[in-house]
Amino acid sequence: MDLINKYFPNISEEQARQFAMLNELYHDWNSKINVISRKDIDNLYEHHVLHSLAIAKALRFKNGTRIIDFGCGGGFPGIPLAIMFPECQFKLIDGTAKKIRVCNEVAAAAGLKNVIAEQRRGEEEKGAFDYIVSRAVMPLPDIVKIMKKNISKKCNNAMPNGIFCLKGGDLQSELQPYKNIVEKTELSTWFEEEWFKQKYLIYLPY
């Protein structure tokens, strides 16, 4: 939790309370349904919550922005972003029912009124959103193929509507098809912890 205060010192008391709740909630749910690897759960804030919030460093979503977390797993990056942007609407989708159950239970316990989580494949999603967010679900060209249909034409934010992906490693071949438009930012631009080296935020405007 100290990490959140370190990089986001202006959060409200309510947001601080919600972020603090995630520790117990995810430890509890992870003991029943394994959504975070057992050896990684103690790094919840650095490896999952703060990692998700890299998107909030790139762009402050305007109130009313609609965001879909594609392949949300246990709720990352969607749930931390929903806490950070309470006036935005978040939809979390994943093909695995038990992961969606964790998302719904965590969101309800934290009092998040701006989150809907549904068991659904991206191909089945019909809604229109300003941004698609995703965390290492699949290569970017595959995400584009499945989700570009869901990107709204009307833009309300400082950055054009599009896709934000959190990824690590060598991304050269994956980003090649979009080399003239894609933006790749090292997370160590924002976060000084060693773990964030060689990890990136990929932004593809649409």
N, C-alpha and C. Protein backbone atom coordinates (compact mmCIF):
# COMPACT_ATOMS: atom_id res chain seq x y z
N MET A 1 0.83 -1.21 0.00
CA MET A 1 0.00 0.00 0.00
C MET A 1 0.87 1.26 0.00
N ASP A 2 2.03 1.19 0.65
CA ASP A 2 2.94 2.35 0.65
C ASP A 2 3.34 2.74 -0.76
N LEU A 3 3.44 1.74 -1.64
CA LEU A 3 3.82 2.01 -3.04
C LEU A 3 2.77 2.87 -3.74
N ILE A 4 1.52 2.63 -3.43
CA ILE A 4 0.45 3.42 -4.06
C ILE A 4 0.55 4.87 -3.61
N ASN A 5 0.74 5.08 -2.31
CA ASN A 5 0.88 6.44 -1.79
C ASN A 5 2.12 7.13 -2.35
N LYS A 6 3.17 6.34 -2.57
CA LYS A 6 4.43 6.89 -3.09
C LYS A 6 4.23 7.50 -4.47
N TYR A 7 3.51 6.78 -5.34
CA TYR A 7 3.39 7.23 -6.73
C TYR A 7 2.09 7.97 -7.03
N PHE A 8 1.12 7.83 -6.13
CA PHE A 8 -0.17 8.52 -6.31
C PHE A 8 -0.55 9.19 -4.98
N PRO A 9 0.21 10.25 -4.61
CA PRO A 9 0.01 10.85 -3.29
C PRO A 9 -1.31 11.61 -3.15
N ASN A 10 -2.00 11.86 -4.26
CA ASN A 10 -3.21 12.69 -4.20
C ASN A 10 -4.51 11.91 -4.18
N ILE A 11 -4.44 10.61 -3.95
CA ILE A 11 -5.69 9.84 -3.90
C ILE A 11 -6.51 10.24 -2.67
N SER A 12 -7.82 10.04 -2.77
CA SER A 12 -8.72 10.41 -1.67
C SER A 12 -8.66 9.36 -0.55
N GLU A 13 -9.24 9.70 0.58
CA GLU A 13 -9.31 8.73 1.69
C GLU A 13 -10.06 7.48 1.27
N GLU A 14 -11.13 7.68 0.53
CA GLU A 14 -11.93 6.53 0.07
C GLU A 14 -11.09 5.64 -0.86
N GLN A 15 -10.36 6.24 -1.79
CA GLN A 15 -9.50 5.45 -2.68
C GLN A 15 -8.43 4.71 -1.88
N ALA A 16 -7.83 5.39 -0.90
CA ALA A 16 -6.81 4.74 -0.06
C ALA A 16 -7.40 3.55 0.68
N ARG A 17 -8.63 3.72 1.17
CA ARG A 17 -9.30 2.62 1.87
C ARG A 17 -9.54 1.43 0.92
N GLN A 18 -9.98 1.74 -0.29
CA GLN A 18 -10.26 0.68 -1.28
C GLN A 18 -8.97 -0.04 -1.69
N PHE A 19 -7.91 0.72 -1.93
CA PHE A 19 -6.64 0.07 -2.28
C PHE A 19 -6.14 -0.80 -1.12
N ALA A 20 -6.29 -0.31 0.10
CA ALA A 20 -5.85 -1.08 1.27
C ALA A 20 -6.63 -2.38 1.42
N MET A 21 -7.90 -2.36 1.05
CA MET A 21 -8.74 -3.56 1.16
C MET A 21 -8.29 -4.69 0.24
N LEU A 22 -7.65 -4.32 -0.86
CA LEU A 22 -7.29 -5.34 -1.87
C LEU A 22 -6.38 -6.42 -1.29
N ASN A 23 -5.54 -6.05 -0.34
CA ASN A 23 -4.60 -7.03 0.21
C ASN A 23 -5.33 -8.21 0.83
N GLU A 24 -6.21 -7.93 1.76
CA GLU A 24 -6.95 -9.00 2.43
C GLU A 24 -7.88 -9.73 1.46
N LEU A 25 -8.54 -8.97 0.60
CA LEU A 25 -9.49 -9.57 -0.34
C LEU A 25 -8.80 -10.57 -1.27
N TYR A 26 -7.68 -10.16 -1.84
CA TYR A 26 -6.99 -11.07 -2.79
C TYR A 26 -6.31 -12.23 -2.07
N HIS A 27 -5.77 -11.99 -0.88
CA HIS A 27 -5.21 -13.12 -0.13
C HIS A 27 -6.30 -14.15 0.18
N ASP A 28 -7.47 -13.65 0.59
CA ASP A 28 -8.58 -14.52 0.94
C ASP A 28 -9.07 -15.31 -0.28
N TRP A 29 -9.35 -14.58 -1.37
CA TRP A 29 -9.87 -15.26 -2.56
C TRP A 29 -8.82 -16.16 -3.20
N ASN A 30 -7.58 -15.77 -3.12
CA ASN A 30 -6.53 -16.58 -3.74
C ASN A 30 -6.36 -17.93 -3.03
N SER A 31 -6.71 -17.97 -1.75
CA SER A 31 -6.63 -19.24 -1.02
C SER A 31 -7.73 -20.20 -1.47
N LYS A 32 -8.82 -19.65 -2.06
CA LYS A 32 -9.93 -20.49 -2.53
C LYS A 32 -9.84 -20.76 -4.03
N ILE A 33 -9.51 -19.71 -4.77
CA ILE A 33 -9.44 -19.78 -6.24
C ILE A 33 -8.13 -19.14 -6.65
N ASN A 34 -7.27 -19.91 -7.24
CA ASN A 34 -5.91 -19.42 -7.52
C ASN A 34 -5.90 -18.50 -8.74
N VAL A 35 -5.96 -17.17 -8.48
CA VAL A 35 -5.93 -16.21 -9.60
C VAL A 35 -4.59 -15.51 -9.71
N ILE A 36 -3.80 -15.56 -8.64
CA ILE A 36 -2.43 -15.02 -8.65
C ILE A 36 -1.53 -16.13 -8.15
N SER A 37 -0.37 -16.31 -8.77
CA SER A 37 0.46 -17.44 -8.35
C SER A 37 0.80 -17.32 -6.86
N ARG A 38 0.82 -18.46 -6.19
CA ARG A 38 1.01 -18.49 -4.73
C ARG A 38 2.27 -17.75 -4.30
N LYS A 39 3.31 -17.88 -5.09
CA LYS A 39 4.57 -17.24 -4.69
C LYS A 39 4.58 -15.74 -4.98
N ASP A 40 3.57 -15.28 -5.72
CA ASP A 40 3.54 -13.86 -6.11
C ASP A 40 2.53 -13.04 -5.32
N ILE A 41 1.67 -13.69 -4.56
CA ILE A 41 0.59 -12.97 -3.88
C ILE A 41 1.14 -11.95 -2.87
N ASP A 42 2.30 -12.23 -2.29
CA ASP A 42 2.88 -11.28 -1.34
C ASP A 42 3.45 -10.03 -2.02
N ASN A 43 3.56 -10.09 -3.34
CA ASN A 43 3.99 -8.91 -4.12
C ASN A 43 2.79 -8.23 -4.79
N LEU A 44 1.62 -8.40 -4.18
CA LEU A 44 0.37 -7.93 -4.79
C LEU A 44 0.46 -6.47 -5.24
N TYR A 45 0.93 -5.59 -4.36
CA TYR A 45 0.89 -4.15 -4.69
C TYR A 45 1.90 -3.79 -5.77
N GLU A 46 3.10 -4.35 -5.71
CA GLU A 46 4.10 -4.00 -6.73
C GLU A 46 3.80 -4.66 -8.07
N HIS A 47 3.56 -5.96 -8.06
CA HIS A 47 3.48 -6.72 -9.31
C HIS A 47 2.10 -6.68 -9.97
N HIS A 48 1.09 -6.28 -9.23
CA HIS A 48 -0.27 -6.34 -9.78
C HIS A 48 -0.99 -4.99 -9.72
N VAL A 49 -1.06 -4.40 -8.53
CA VAL A 49 -1.81 -3.14 -8.39
C VAL A 49 -1.05 -1.98 -9.04
N LEU A 50 0.19 -1.77 -8.64
CA LEU A 50 0.97 -0.67 -9.22
C LEU A 50 1.22 -0.90 -10.71
N HIS A 51 1.49 -2.14 -11.08
CA HIS A 51 1.67 -2.49 -12.49
C HIS A 51 0.46 -2.04 -13.31
N SER A 52 -0.74 -2.34 -12.79
CA SER A 52 -1.97 -1.94 -13.48
C SER A 52 -2.08 -0.42 -13.60
N LEU A 53 -1.60 0.28 -12.58
CA LEU A 53 -1.76 1.73 -12.53
C LEU A 53 -0.76 2.48 -13.42
N ALA A 54 0.12 1.76 -14.10
CA ALA A 54 0.97 2.41 -15.11
C ALA A 54 0.10 3.11 -16.15
N ILE A 55 -1.06 2.54 -16.43
CA ILE A 55 -1.97 3.14 -17.42
C ILE A 55 -2.44 4.51 -16.92
N ALA A 56 -2.62 4.64 -15.60
CA ALA A 56 -3.04 5.93 -15.02
C ALA A 56 -1.93 6.96 -15.07
N LYS A 57 -0.67 6.51 -15.19
CA LYS A 57 0.45 7.45 -15.37
C LYS A 57 0.47 7.98 -16.80
N ALA A 58 0.03 7.15 -17.75
CA ALA A 58 0.05 7.56 -19.16
C ALA A 58 -1.10 8.51 -19.48
N LEU A 59 -2.25 8.29 -18.87
CA LEU A 59 -3.44 9.09 -19.22
C LEU A 59 -4.39 9.16 -18.03
N ARG A 60 -4.83 10.38 -17.73
CA ARG A 60 -5.92 10.53 -16.75
C ARG A 60 -7.22 10.47 -17.51
N PHE A 61 -7.94 9.38 -17.36
CA PHE A 61 -9.21 9.24 -18.08
C PHE A 61 -10.19 10.32 -17.63
N LYS A 62 -10.87 10.94 -18.59
CA LYS A 62 -11.91 11.92 -18.25
C LYS A 62 -13.12 11.19 -17.66
N ASN A 63 -13.86 11.89 -16.82
CA ASN A 63 -15.09 11.32 -16.28
C ASN A 63 -15.99 10.85 -17.41
N GLY A 64 -16.61 9.70 -17.23
CA GLY A 64 -17.51 9.15 -18.25
C GLY A 64 -16.84 8.26 -19.27
N THR A 65 -15.51 8.16 -19.23
CA THR A 65 -14.79 7.29 -20.17
C THR A 65 -15.19 5.83 -19.93
N ARG A 66 -15.36 5.09 -21.02
CA ARG A 66 -15.72 3.67 -20.94
C ARG A 66 -14.51 2.81 -21.31
N ILE A 67 -14.19 1.89 -20.44
CA ILE A 67 -12.98 1.07 -20.60
C ILE A 67 -13.36 -0.40 -20.44
N ILE A 68 -12.81 -1.25 -21.29
CA ILE A 68 -13.01 -2.70 -21.15
C ILE A 68 -11.67 -3.37 -20.89
N ASP A 69 -11.64 -4.20 -19.88
CA ASP A 69 -10.45 -5.00 -19.54
C ASP A 69 -10.65 -6.37 -20.18
N PHE A 70 -9.88 -6.62 -21.23
CA PHE A 70 -10.00 -7.85 -22.02
C PHE A 70 -9.08 -8.92 -21.45
N GLY A 71 -9.68 -10.06 -21.04
CA GLY A 71 -8.90 -11.12 -20.40
C GLY A 71 -8.44 -10.69 -19.03
N CYS A 72 -9.40 -10.28 -18.20
CA CYS A 72 -9.09 -9.57 -16.95
C CYS A 72 -8.48 -10.47 -15.86
N GLY A 73 -8.57 -11.80 -16.02
CA GLY A 73 -8.06 -12.67 -14.97
C GLY A 73 -8.75 -12.35 -13.66
N GLY A 74 -7.97 -12.15 -12.59
CA GLY A 74 -8.55 -11.83 -11.30
C GLY A 74 -8.90 -10.36 -11.12
N GLY A 75 -8.75 -9.56 -12.18
CA GLY A 75 -9.18 -8.16 -12.10
C GLY A 75 -8.11 -7.12 -12.35
N PHE A 76 -7.06 -7.53 -13.06
CA PHE A 76 -5.96 -6.59 -13.34
C PHE A 76 -5.80 -6.43 -14.85
N PRO A 77 -5.75 -5.20 -15.34
CA PRO A 77 -5.63 -3.93 -14.62
C PRO A 77 -6.95 -3.28 -14.21
N GLY A 78 -8.09 -3.91 -14.52
CA GLY A 78 -9.38 -3.25 -14.38
C GLY A 78 -9.72 -2.73 -13.00
N ILE A 79 -9.55 -3.55 -11.96
CA ILE A 79 -10.00 -3.13 -10.63
C ILE A 79 -9.15 -1.98 -10.07
N PRO A 80 -7.81 -2.04 -10.11
CA PRO A 80 -7.06 -0.86 -9.65
C PRO A 80 -7.41 0.42 -10.42
N LEU A 81 -7.63 0.29 -11.73
CA LEU A 81 -8.00 1.47 -12.53
C LEU A 81 -9.39 1.98 -12.15
N ALA A 82 -10.29 1.07 -11.83
CA ALA A 82 -11.65 1.48 -11.42
C ALA A 82 -11.62 2.24 -10.10
N ILE A 83 -10.70 1.86 -9.20
CA ILE A 83 -10.53 2.61 -7.95
C ILE A 83 -9.95 4.00 -8.26
N MET A 84 -8.99 4.04 -9.16
CA MET A 84 -8.32 5.31 -9.48
C MET A 84 -9.26 6.27 -10.22
N PHE A 85 -10.19 5.73 -11.01
CA PHE A 85 -11.09 6.57 -11.82
C PHE A 85 -12.55 6.22 -11.51
N PRO A 86 -13.05 6.66 -10.35
CA PRO A 86 -14.39 6.25 -9.92
C PRO A 86 -15.52 6.78 -10.80
N GLU A 87 -15.23 7.82 -11.60
CA GLU A 87 -16.26 8.39 -12.47
C GLU A 87 -16.23 7.81 -13.89
N CYS A 88 -15.40 6.78 -14.09
CA CYS A 88 -15.35 6.09 -15.38
C CYS A 88 -16.04 4.73 -15.25
N GLN A 89 -16.45 4.17 -16.38
CA GLN A 89 -17.14 2.88 -16.38
C GLN A 89 -16.22 1.78 -16.86
N PHE A 90 -16.13 0.71 -16.09
CA PHE A 90 -15.24 -0.39 -16.42
C PHE A 90 -16.04 -1.69 -16.62
N LYS A 91 -15.74 -2.36 -17.71
CA LYS A 91 -16.29 -3.70 -17.93
C LYS A 91 -15.11 -4.67 -17.98
N LEU A 92 -15.19 -5.73 -17.22
CA LEU A 92 -14.12 -6.74 -17.17
C LEU A 92 -14.66 -8.02 -17.77
N ILE A 93 -13.94 -8.56 -18.75
CA ILE A 93 -14.39 -9.83 -19.34
C ILE A 93 -13.26 -10.85 -19.33
N ASP A 94 -13.64 -12.10 -19.14
CA ASP A 94 -12.70 -13.22 -19.16
C ASP A 94 -13.50 -14.47 -19.47
N GLY A 95 -12.85 -15.44 -20.09
CA GLY A 95 -13.55 -16.68 -20.45
C GLY A 95 -13.72 -17.64 -19.29
N THR A 96 -13.05 -17.38 -18.16
CA THR A 96 -13.06 -18.32 -17.04
C THR A 96 -13.99 -17.83 -15.94
N ALA A 97 -15.02 -18.62 -15.64
CA ALA A 97 -16.07 -18.20 -14.70
C ALA A 97 -15.52 -17.90 -13.31
N LYS A 98 -14.59 -18.71 -12.81
CA LYS A 98 -14.13 -18.50 -11.43
C LYS A 98 -13.35 -17.19 -11.31
N LYS A 99 -12.66 -16.80 -12.37
CA LYS A 99 -11.95 -15.51 -12.32
C LYS A 99 -12.93 -14.34 -12.27
N ILE A 100 -14.01 -14.47 -13.04
CA ILE A 100 -15.03 -13.42 -13.03
C ILE A 100 -15.71 -13.35 -11.66
N ARG A 101 -15.88 -14.50 -11.04
CA ARG A 101 -16.47 -14.50 -9.69
C ARG A 101 -15.59 -13.70 -8.72
N VAL A 102 -14.28 -13.92 -8.80
CA VAL A 102 -13.35 -13.17 -7.94
C VAL A 102 -13.47 -11.67 -8.23
N CYS A 103 -13.50 -11.29 -9.50
CA CYS A 103 -13.63 -9.86 -9.86
C CYS A 103 -14.89 -9.25 -9.26
N ASN A 104 -16.01 -9.94 -9.41
CA ASN A 104 -17.28 -9.42 -8.89
C ASN A 104 -17.27 -9.32 -7.37
N GLU A 105 -16.72 -10.33 -6.72
CA GLU A 105 -16.69 -10.34 -5.24
C GLU A 105 -15.76 -9.24 -4.71
N VAL A 106 -14.61 -9.08 -5.33
CA VAL A 106 -13.66 -8.04 -4.89
C VAL A 106 -14.26 -6.66 -5.13
N ALA A 107 -14.84 -6.46 -6.31
CA ALA A 107 -15.44 -5.15 -6.63
C ALA A 107 -16.57 -4.81 -5.66
N ALA A 108 -17.41 -5.80 -5.33
CA ALA A 108 -18.53 -5.57 -4.40
C ALA A 108 -18.01 -5.27 -3.00
N ALA A 109 -17.03 -6.04 -2.54
CA ALA A 109 -16.49 -5.83 -1.18
C ALA A 109 -15.81 -4.47 -1.04
N ALA A 110 -15.16 -4.02 -2.12
CA ALA A 110 -14.48 -2.72 -2.09
C ALA A 110 -15.43 -1.55 -2.35
N GLY A 111 -16.69 -1.88 -2.67
CA GLY A 111 -17.68 -0.82 -2.89
C GLY A 111 -17.54 -0.13 -4.23
N LEU A 112 -17.07 -0.85 -5.22
CA LEU A 112 -16.90 -0.25 -6.55
C LEU A 112 -18.22 -0.32 -7.32
N LYS A 113 -18.77 0.85 -7.58
CA LYS A 113 -20.07 0.90 -8.29
C LYS A 113 -19.87 1.02 -9.80
N ASN A 114 -18.62 1.15 -10.24
CA ASN A 114 -18.34 1.44 -11.65
C ASN A 114 -17.74 0.24 -12.39
N VAL A 115 -17.96 -0.96 -11.84
CA VAL A 115 -17.38 -2.18 -12.43
C VAL A 115 -18.47 -3.20 -12.73
N ILE A 116 -18.44 -3.74 -13.94
CA ILE A 116 -19.25 -4.91 -14.30
C ILE A 116 -18.27 -5.97 -14.77
N ALA A 117 -18.38 -7.18 -14.26
CA ALA A 117 -17.51 -8.28 -14.74
C ALA A 117 -18.39 -9.40 -15.27
N GLU A 118 -18.07 -9.87 -16.47
CA GLU A 118 -18.88 -10.92 -17.11
C GLU A 118 -18.00 -11.98 -17.74
N GLN A 119 -18.45 -13.23 -17.63
CA GLN A 119 -17.76 -14.31 -18.32
C GLN A 119 -18.11 -14.22 -19.81
N ARG A 120 -17.10 -13.89 -20.60
CA ARG A 120 -17.35 -13.66 -22.03
C ARG A 120 -16.03 -13.67 -22.76
N ARG A 121 -16.06 -14.19 -23.97
CA ARG A 121 -14.89 -14.10 -24.84
C ARG A 121 -14.97 -12.78 -25.61
N GLY A 122 -13.80 -12.26 -25.98
CA GLY A 122 -13.76 -10.99 -26.69
C GLY A 122 -14.59 -11.01 -27.97
N GLU A 123 -14.61 -12.16 -28.64
CA GLU A 123 -15.36 -12.27 -29.90
C GLU A 123 -16.85 -12.03 -29.68
N GLU A 124 -17.32 -12.30 -28.46
CA GLU A 124 -18.76 -12.19 -28.17
C GLU A 124 -19.16 -10.80 -27.70
N GLU A 125 -18.19 -9.97 -27.37
CA GLU A 125 -18.49 -8.65 -26.81
C GLU A 125 -19.01 -7.70 -27.89
N LYS A 126 -20.16 -7.05 -27.61
CA LYS A 126 -20.78 -6.18 -28.61
C LYS A 126 -20.64 -4.69 -28.28
N GLY A 127 -20.25 -4.37 -27.05
CA GLY A 127 -20.25 -2.97 -26.61
C GLY A 127 -19.18 -2.11 -27.26
N ALA A 128 -19.36 -0.79 -27.15
CA ALA A 128 -18.37 0.17 -27.67
C ALA A 128 -17.69 0.85 -26.48
N PHE A 129 -16.36 0.98 -26.57
CA PHE A 129 -15.56 1.50 -25.46
C PHE A 129 -14.53 2.49 -26.00
N ASP A 130 -14.12 3.42 -25.13
CA ASP A 130 -13.07 4.36 -25.51
C ASP A 130 -11.71 3.66 -25.56
N TYR A 131 -11.48 2.80 -24.57
CA TYR A 131 -10.18 2.11 -24.50
C TYR A 131 -10.35 0.64 -24.14
N ILE A 132 -9.50 -0.18 -24.75
CA ILE A 132 -9.34 -1.57 -24.35
C ILE A 132 -8.05 -1.63 -23.53
N VAL A 133 -8.10 -2.23 -22.36
CA VAL A 133 -6.89 -2.43 -21.56
C VAL A 133 -6.68 -3.92 -21.37
N SER A 134 -5.41 -4.31 -21.27
CA SER A 134 -5.11 -5.74 -21.20
C SER A 134 -3.73 -5.94 -20.62
N ARG A 135 -3.55 -7.08 -19.97
CA ARG A 135 -2.26 -7.35 -19.33
C ARG A 135 -1.74 -8.70 -19.80
N ALA A 136 -0.84 -8.68 -20.80
CA ALA A 136 -0.14 -9.89 -21.26
C ALA A 136 -1.07 -11.05 -21.56
N VAL A 137 -2.23 -10.76 -22.16
CA VAL A 137 -3.19 -11.82 -22.47
C VAL A 137 -2.77 -12.60 -23.72
N MET A 138 -2.39 -11.87 -24.75
CA MET A 138 -2.01 -12.48 -26.04
C MET A 138 -1.27 -11.43 -26.86
N PRO A 139 -0.63 -11.82 -27.95
CA PRO A 139 0.08 -10.83 -28.78
C PRO A 139 -0.86 -9.73 -29.28
N LEU A 140 -0.30 -8.54 -29.41
CA LEU A 140 -1.10 -7.37 -29.81
C LEU A 140 -1.90 -7.59 -31.10
N PRO A 141 -1.33 -8.18 -32.17
CA PRO A 141 -2.14 -8.37 -33.38
C PRO A 141 -3.40 -9.20 -33.14
N ASP A 142 -3.32 -10.16 -32.19
CA ASP A 142 -4.50 -10.98 -31.88
C ASP A 142 -5.55 -10.16 -31.13
N ILE A 143 -5.08 -9.31 -30.21
CA ILE A 143 -6.01 -8.43 -29.49
C ILE A 143 -6.72 -7.50 -30.48
N VAL A 144 -5.95 -6.95 -31.39
CA VAL A 144 -6.51 -6.03 -32.40
C VAL A 144 -7.58 -6.74 -33.21
N LYS A 145 -7.27 -7.95 -33.65
CA LYS A 145 -8.20 -8.71 -34.50
C LYS A 145 -9.54 -8.94 -33.78
N ILE A 146 -9.46 -9.25 -32.49
CA ILE A 146 -10.67 -9.58 -31.73
C ILE A 146 -11.42 -8.33 -31.26
N MET A 147 -10.68 -7.30 -30.83
CA MET A 147 -11.32 -6.20 -30.09
C MET A 147 -11.44 -4.88 -30.82
N LYS A 148 -10.86 -4.74 -32.02
CA LYS A 148 -10.92 -3.42 -32.67
C LYS A 148 -12.36 -3.01 -32.99
N LYS A 149 -13.23 -4.01 -33.16
CA LYS A 149 -14.65 -3.74 -33.42
C LYS A 149 -15.33 -3.00 -32.26
N ASN A 150 -14.72 -3.09 -31.07
CA ASN A 150 -15.33 -2.52 -29.86
C ASN A 150 -14.82 -1.12 -29.51
N ILE A 151 -13.93 -0.57 -30.35
CA ILE A 151 -13.39 0.76 -30.07
C ILE A 151 -14.33 1.82 -30.64
N SER A 152 -14.83 2.67 -29.75
CA SER A 152 -15.78 3.72 -30.14
C SER A 152 -15.12 4.73 -31.09
N LYS A 153 -15.91 5.27 -31.99
CA LYS A 153 -15.39 6.25 -32.95
C LYS A 153 -15.28 7.64 -32.32
N LYS A 154 -16.07 7.87 -31.27
CA LYS A 154 -16.11 9.21 -30.66
C LYS A 154 -15.06 9.30 -29.56
N CYS A 155 -14.18 10.29 -29.68
CA CYS A 155 -13.06 10.42 -28.74
C CYS A 155 -13.29 11.59 -27.78
N ASN A 156 -13.13 11.34 -26.47
CA ASN A 156 -13.35 12.38 -25.46
C ASN A 156 -12.11 12.70 -24.64
N ASN A 157 -11.03 11.96 -24.83
CA ASN A 157 -9.85 12.10 -23.99
C ASN A 157 -8.70 12.78 -24.72
N ALA A 158 -7.63 13.07 -23.98
CA ALA A 158 -6.46 13.73 -24.54
C ALA A 158 -5.72 12.84 -25.53
N MET A 159 -5.84 11.52 -25.35
CA MET A 159 -5.22 10.57 -26.29
C MET A 159 -6.32 9.89 -27.09
N PRO A 160 -6.12 9.66 -28.40
CA PRO A 160 -7.14 9.00 -29.20
C PRO A 160 -7.55 7.65 -28.60
N ASN A 161 -8.79 7.26 -28.85
CA ASN A 161 -9.26 5.95 -28.40
C ASN A 161 -8.32 4.87 -28.93
N GLY A 162 -8.20 3.77 -28.20
CA GLY A 162 -7.32 2.70 -28.65
C GLY A 162 -7.10 1.64 -27.60
N ILE A 163 -5.94 1.02 -27.66
CA ILE A 163 -5.61 -0.14 -26.83
C ILE A 163 -4.39 0.17 -25.97
N PHE A 164 -4.50 -0.12 -24.67
CA PHE A 164 -3.36 -0.08 -23.75
C PHE A 164 -3.05 -1.51 -23.30
N CYS A 165 -1.81 -1.95 -23.53
CA CYS A 165 -1.39 -3.29 -23.08
C CYS A 165 -0.17 -3.19 -22.19
N LEU A 166 -0.17 -3.97 -21.12
CA LEU A 166 1.01 -4.09 -20.26
C LEU A 166 1.73 -5.37 -20.63
N LYS A 167 3.00 -5.23 -21.01
CA LYS A 167 3.75 -6.37 -21.52
C LYS A 167 5.21 -6.30 -21.09
N GLY A 168 5.90 -7.43 -21.22
CA GLY A 168 7.33 -7.46 -20.92
C GLY A 168 8.10 -8.22 -21.98
N GLY A 169 9.42 -8.10 -21.92
CA GLY A 169 10.27 -8.88 -22.82
C GLY A 169 10.48 -8.24 -24.18
N ASP A 170 10.87 -9.07 -25.14
CA ASP A 170 11.18 -8.60 -26.50
C ASP A 170 9.89 -8.52 -27.31
N LEU A 171 9.48 -7.33 -27.67
CA LEU A 171 8.19 -7.13 -28.33
C LEU A 171 8.35 -6.74 -29.80
N GLN A 172 9.56 -6.81 -30.31
CA GLN A 172 9.84 -6.27 -31.64
C GLN A 172 8.94 -6.85 -32.73
N SER A 173 8.86 -8.18 -32.80
CA SER A 173 8.07 -8.79 -33.88
C SER A 173 6.58 -8.53 -33.69
N GLU A 174 6.16 -8.52 -32.43
CA GLU A 174 4.74 -8.29 -32.12
C GLU A 174 4.28 -6.88 -32.51
N LEU A 175 5.18 -5.92 -32.34
CA LEU A 175 4.82 -4.52 -32.61
C LEU A 175 5.13 -4.10 -34.04
N GLN A 176 5.83 -4.94 -34.77
CA GLN A 176 6.26 -4.62 -36.14
C GLN A 176 5.11 -4.13 -37.04
N PRO A 177 3.94 -4.79 -37.01
CA PRO A 177 2.86 -4.33 -37.91
C PRO A 177 2.38 -2.91 -37.63
N TYR A 178 2.68 -2.41 -36.44
CA TYR A 178 2.18 -1.08 -36.04
C TYR A 178 3.32 -0.10 -35.78
N LYS A 179 4.50 -0.39 -36.33
CA LYS A 179 5.71 0.33 -35.92
C LYS A 179 5.63 1.84 -36.12
N ASN A 180 4.79 2.30 -37.05
CA ASN A 180 4.70 3.74 -37.30
C ASN A 180 3.76 4.47 -36.35
N ILE A 181 2.91 3.72 -35.65
CA ILE A 181 1.91 4.40 -34.80
C ILE A 181 1.96 3.97 -33.34
N VAL A 182 2.49 2.79 -33.05
CA VAL A 182 2.47 2.29 -31.67
C VAL A 182 3.43 3.06 -30.77
N GLU A 183 3.06 3.26 -29.52
CA GLU A 183 3.94 3.91 -28.54
C GLU A 183 4.31 2.89 -27.48
N LYS A 184 5.61 2.77 -27.19
CA LYS A 184 6.11 1.82 -26.18
C LYS A 184 6.83 2.62 -25.11
N THR A 185 6.35 2.55 -23.88
CA THR A 185 6.95 3.30 -22.77
C THR A 185 7.47 2.33 -21.71
N GLU A 186 8.71 2.47 -21.33
CA GLU A 186 9.25 1.64 -20.25
C GLU A 186 8.60 2.04 -18.93
N LEU A 187 8.17 1.05 -18.17
CA LEU A 187 7.52 1.37 -16.89
C LEU A 187 8.49 2.00 -15.90
N SER A 188 9.78 1.77 -16.11
CA SER A 188 10.79 2.40 -15.23
C SER A 188 10.85 3.92 -15.44
N THR A 189 10.16 4.43 -16.48
CA THR A 189 9.97 5.87 -16.64
C THR A 189 9.22 6.44 -15.43
N TRP A 190 8.29 5.65 -14.91
CA TRP A 190 7.43 6.12 -13.82
C TRP A 190 7.77 5.48 -12.47
N PHE A 191 8.21 4.22 -12.49
CA PHE A 191 8.40 3.47 -11.25
C PHE A 191 9.86 3.03 -11.12
N GLU A 192 10.47 3.28 -9.96
CA GLU A 192 11.91 3.04 -9.82
C GLU A 192 12.26 1.62 -9.37
N GLU A 193 11.28 0.84 -8.93
CA GLU A 193 11.57 -0.51 -8.45
C GLU A 193 12.15 -1.38 -9.56
N GLU A 194 13.08 -2.23 -9.18
CA GLU A 194 13.81 -3.09 -10.13
C GLU A 194 12.88 -3.94 -10.99
N TRP A 195 11.79 -4.39 -10.40
CA TRP A 195 10.86 -5.30 -11.09
C TRP A 195 10.31 -4.71 -12.39
N PHE A 196 10.24 -3.37 -12.46
CA PHE A 196 9.61 -2.72 -13.62
C PHE A 196 10.55 -2.59 -14.82
N LYS A 197 11.80 -2.95 -14.66
CA LYS A 197 12.72 -2.90 -15.81
C LYS A 197 12.32 -3.96 -16.84
N GLN A 198 12.45 -3.60 -18.10
CA GLN A 198 12.07 -4.49 -19.20
C GLN A 198 10.57 -4.80 -19.24
N LYS A 199 9.80 -3.92 -18.59
CA LYS A 199 8.35 -4.03 -18.69
C LYS A 199 7.83 -2.74 -19.32
N TYR A 200 6.78 -2.87 -20.12
CA TYR A 200 6.37 -1.76 -20.97
C TYR A 200 4.86 -1.55 -20.95
N LEU A 201 4.48 -0.30 -21.23
CA LEU A 201 3.10 0.00 -21.57
C LEU A 201 3.06 0.27 -23.07
N ILE A 202 2.23 -0.49 -23.74
CA ILE A 202 2.06 -0.36 -25.20
C ILE A 202 0.74 0.36 -25.44
N TYR A 203 0.81 1.40 -26.25
CA TYR A 203 -0.42 2.14 -26.59
C TYR A 203 -0.57 2.16 -28.10
N LEU A 204 -1.71 1.67 -28.56
CA LEU A 204 -2.01 1.66 -29.99
C LEU A 204 -3.26 2.50 -30.23
N PRO A 205 -3.09 3.70 -30.82
CA PRO A 205 -4.28 4.53 -31.10
C PRO A 205 -5.08 3.95 -32.25
N TYR A 206 -6.39 4.22 -32.22
CA TYR A 206 -7.23 3.71 -33.31
C TYR A 206 -8.08 4.80 -33.91
